[in-house]
Amino acid sequence: MEFDVSAMMGDMGVGAVVGFVTGYAVKKVMKLALALIGAYLVSLLWLEQKGVLIIDKDKLFNLAGEWTHEILTLGEKVMALLPGTAAFLGGFALGFHKG
């Protein structure tokens, strides 16, 4: 059995690059989604202030808490499907930080 270091380094490099790009993209998408959700909530609260809508704030914020739980659960499932290499995870962390 031959131990090929160059092939292993290539796989690690590809994993790190893919991880970086994925982390960067995930953070950008999260920022956009949070901005849209924030704008939606602000518009609902503004319409309530103007008397156009009546909002049960307790139910609204409970719903937001449920969404947060679902998003975290989905994130865990996605991470379980992705290659669990150290290079990928390191690249993902770096891309998420830079994004």
C-alpha atoms as a PDB file:
ATOM      1  CA  MET A   1       0.000   0.000   0.000  1.00  0.00           C
ATOM      2  CA  GLU A   2       1.466   3.296  -1.121  1.00  0.00           C
ATOM      3  CA  PHE A   3       0.967   6.536   0.808  1.00  0.00           C
ATOM      4  CA  ASP A   4       0.545   9.372  -1.724  1.00  0.00           C
ATOM      5  CA  VAL A   5       1.017  12.716   0.041  1.00  0.00           C
ATOM      6  CA  SER A   6       0.534  14.847  -3.096  1.00  0.00           C
ATOM      7  CA  ALA A   7      -2.919  13.376  -3.802  1.00  0.00           C
ATOM      8  CA  MET A   8      -3.904  13.889  -0.182  1.00  0.00           C
ATOM      9  CA  MET A   9      -2.767  17.532  -0.263  1.00  0.00           C
ATOM     10  CA  GLY A  10      -4.786  18.099  -3.443  1.00  0.00           C
ATOM     11  CA  ASP A  11      -7.914  16.710  -1.804  1.00  0.00           C
ATOM     12  CA  MET A  12      -7.325  18.859   1.256  1.00  0.00           C
ATOM     13  CA  GLY A  13      -6.847  21.957  -0.904  1.00  0.00           C
ATOM     14  CA  VAL A  14     -10.048  21.335  -2.819  1.00  0.00           C
ATOM     15  CA  GLY A  15     -11.918  20.673   0.424  1.00  0.00           C
ATOM     16  CA  ALA A  16     -10.605  23.897   1.936  1.00  0.00           C
ATOM     17  CA  VAL A  17     -11.547  25.969  -1.122  1.00  0.00           C
ATOM     18  CA  VAL A  18     -15.019  24.428  -1.326  1.00  0.00           C
ATOM     19  CA  GLY A  19     -15.457  24.961   2.411  1.00  0.00           C
ATOM     20  CA  PHE A  20     -14.390  28.610   2.151  1.00  0.00           C
ATOM     21  CA  VAL A  21     -16.759  29.328  -0.734  1.00  0.00           C
ATOM     22  CA  THR A  22     -19.621  27.538   1.025  1.00  0.00           C
ATOM     23  CA  GLY A  23     -19.044  29.380   4.306  1.00  0.00           C
ATOM     24  CA  TYR A  24     -18.803  32.740   2.549  1.00  0.00           C
ATOM     25  CA  ALA A  25     -22.018  32.106   0.592  1.00  0.00           C
ATOM     26  CA  VAL A  26     -23.922  30.857   3.639  1.00  0.00           C
ATOM     27  CA  LYS A  27     -23.073  33.980   5.603  1.00  0.00           C
ATOM     28  CA  LYS A  28     -24.082  36.292   2.733  1.00  0.00           C
ATOM     29  CA  VAL A  29     -27.404  34.459   2.291  1.00  0.00           C
ATOM     30  CA  MET A  30     -28.040  34.600   6.050  1.00  0.00           C
ATOM     31  CA  LYS A  31     -27.420  38.363   6.081  1.00  0.00           C
ATOM     32  CA  LEU A  32     -29.838  38.883   3.195  1.00  0.00           C
ATOM     33  CA  ALA A  33     -32.502  36.666   4.774  1.00  0.00           C
ATOM     34  CA  LEU A  34     -32.211  38.437   8.124  1.00  0.00           C
ATOM     35  CA  ALA A  35     -32.448  41.851   6.448  1.00  0.00           C
ATOM     36  CA  LEU A  36     -35.602  40.812   4.582  1.00  0.00           C
ATOM     37  CA  ILE A  37     -37.187  39.341   7.710  1.00  0.00           C
ATOM     38  CA  GLY A  38     -36.308  42.484   9.661  1.00  0.00           C
ATOM     39  CA  ALA A  39     -37.824  44.738   6.990  1.00  0.00           C
ATOM     40  CA  TYR A  40     -40.970  42.597   6.961  1.00  0.00           C
ATOM     41  CA  LEU A  41     -41.342  42.758  10.750  1.00  0.00           C
ATOM     42  CA  VAL A  42     -40.721  46.521  10.805  1.00  0.00           C
ATOM     43  CA  SER A  43     -43.349  47.021   8.093  1.00  0.00           C
ATOM     44  CA  LEU A  44     -45.862  44.936  10.064  1.00  0.00           C
ATOM     45  CA  LEU A  45     -45.208  46.918  13.230  1.00  0.00           C
ATOM     46  CA  TRP A  46     -45.506  50.207  11.291  1.00  0.00           C
ATOM     47  CA  LEU A  47     -48.850  49.103   9.831  1.00  0.00           C
ATOM     48  CA  GLU A  48     -50.006  48.187  13.323  1.00  0.00           C
ATOM     49  CA  GLN A  49     -48.994  51.612  14.596  1.00  0.00           C
ATOM     50  CA  LYS A  50     -51.032  53.250  11.804  1.00  0.00           C
ATOM     51  CA  GLY A  51     -54.077  51.171  12.767  1.00  0.00           C
ATOM     52  CA  VAL A  52     -54.185  49.092   9.590  1.00  0.00           C
ATOM     53  CA  LEU A  53     -53.383  45.782  11.304  1.00  0.00           C
ATOM     54  CA  ILE A  54     -53.823  44.228  14.716  1.00  0.00           C
ATOM     55  CA  ILE A  55     -50.892  41.949  15.621  1.00  0.00           C
ATOM     56  CA  ASP A  56     -50.674  39.508  18.504  1.00  0.00           C
ATOM     57  CA  LYS A  57     -47.007  40.135  19.305  1.00  0.00           C
ATOM     58  CA  ASP A  58     -46.701  37.095  21.592  1.00  0.00           C
ATOM     59  CA  LYS A  59     -47.722  34.732  18.791  1.00  0.00           C
ATOM     60  CA  LEU A  60     -45.504  36.565  16.296  1.00  0.00           C
ATOM     61  CA  PHE A  61     -42.372  36.258  18.411  1.00  0.00           C
ATOM     62  CA  ASN A  62     -43.179  32.623  19.308  1.00  0.00           C
ATOM     63  CA  LEU A  63     -43.423  31.907  15.590  1.00  0.00           C
ATOM     64  CA  ALA A  64     -40.022  33.530  15.054  1.00  0.00           C
ATOM     65  CA  GLY A  65     -38.592  31.276  17.770  1.00  0.00           C
ATOM     66  CA  GLU A  66     -39.959  28.196  16.001  1.00  0.00           C
ATOM     67  CA  TRP A  67     -38.389  29.331  12.729  1.00  0.00           C
ATOM     68  CA  THR A  68     -35.047  29.749  14.454  1.00  0.00           C
ATOM     69  CA  HIS A  69     -35.231  26.186  15.768  1.00  0.00           C
ATOM     70  CA  GLU A  70     -36.134  24.842  12.309  1.00  0.00           C
ATOM     71  CA  ILE A  71     -33.272  26.738  10.662  1.00  0.00           C
ATOM     72  CA  LEU A  72     -30.768  25.418  13.214  1.00  0.00           C
ATOM     73  CA  THR A  73     -32.050  21.869  12.724  1.00  0.00           C
ATOM     74  CA  LEU A  74     -31.730  22.254   8.956  1.00  0.00           C
ATOM     75  CA  GLY A  75     -28.181  23.583   9.389  1.00  0.00           C
ATOM     76  CA  GLU A  76     -27.233  20.542  11.449  1.00  0.00           C
ATOM     77  CA  LYS A  77     -28.639  18.220   8.775  1.00  0.00           C
ATOM     78  CA  VAL A  78     -26.722  20.017   6.028  1.00  0.00           C
ATOM     79  CA  MET A  79     -23.476  19.842   7.992  1.00  0.00           C
ATOM     80  CA  ALA A  80     -24.028  16.098   8.506  1.00  0.00           C
ATOM     81  CA  LEU A  81     -24.330  15.627   4.723  1.00  0.00           C
ATOM     82  CA  LEU A  82     -21.241  17.656   3.849  1.00  0.00           C
ATOM     83  CA  PRO A  83     -17.851  16.021   3.810  1.00  0.00           C
ATOM     84  CA  GLY A  84     -16.567  15.952   7.367  1.00  0.00           C
ATOM     85  CA  THR A  85     -12.948  16.650   6.535  1.00  0.00           C
ATOM     86  CA  ALA A  86     -10.918  19.017   8.640  1.00  0.00           C
ATOM     87  CA  ALA A  87      -9.912  20.999   5.547  1.00  0.00           C
ATOM     88  CA  PHE A  88     -13.532  21.581   4.564  1.00  0.00           C
ATOM     89  CA  LEU A  89     -14.566  22.595   8.068  1.00  0.00           C
ATOM     90  CA  GLY A  90     -11.548  24.876   8.426  1.00  0.00           C
ATOM     91  CA  GLY A  91     -12.284  26.501   5.072  1.00  0.00           C
ATOM     92  CA  PHE A  92     -15.950  26.848   5.977  1.00  0.00           C
ATOM     93  CA  ALA A  93     -15.101  28.573   9.261  1.00  0.00           C
ATOM     94  CA  LEU A  94     -12.711  30.948   7.508  1.00  0.00           C
ATOM     95  CA  GLY A  95     -15.208  31.738   4.734  1.00  0.00           C
ATOM     96  CA  PHE A  96     -17.999  32.272   7.251  1.00  0.00           C
ATOM     97  CA  HIS A  97     -15.779  34.622   9.244  1.00  0.00           C
ATOM     98  CA  LYS A  98     -14.697  36.609   6.166  1.00  0.00           C
ATOM     99  CA  GLY A  99     -18.240  36.737   4.706  1.00  0.00           C
END
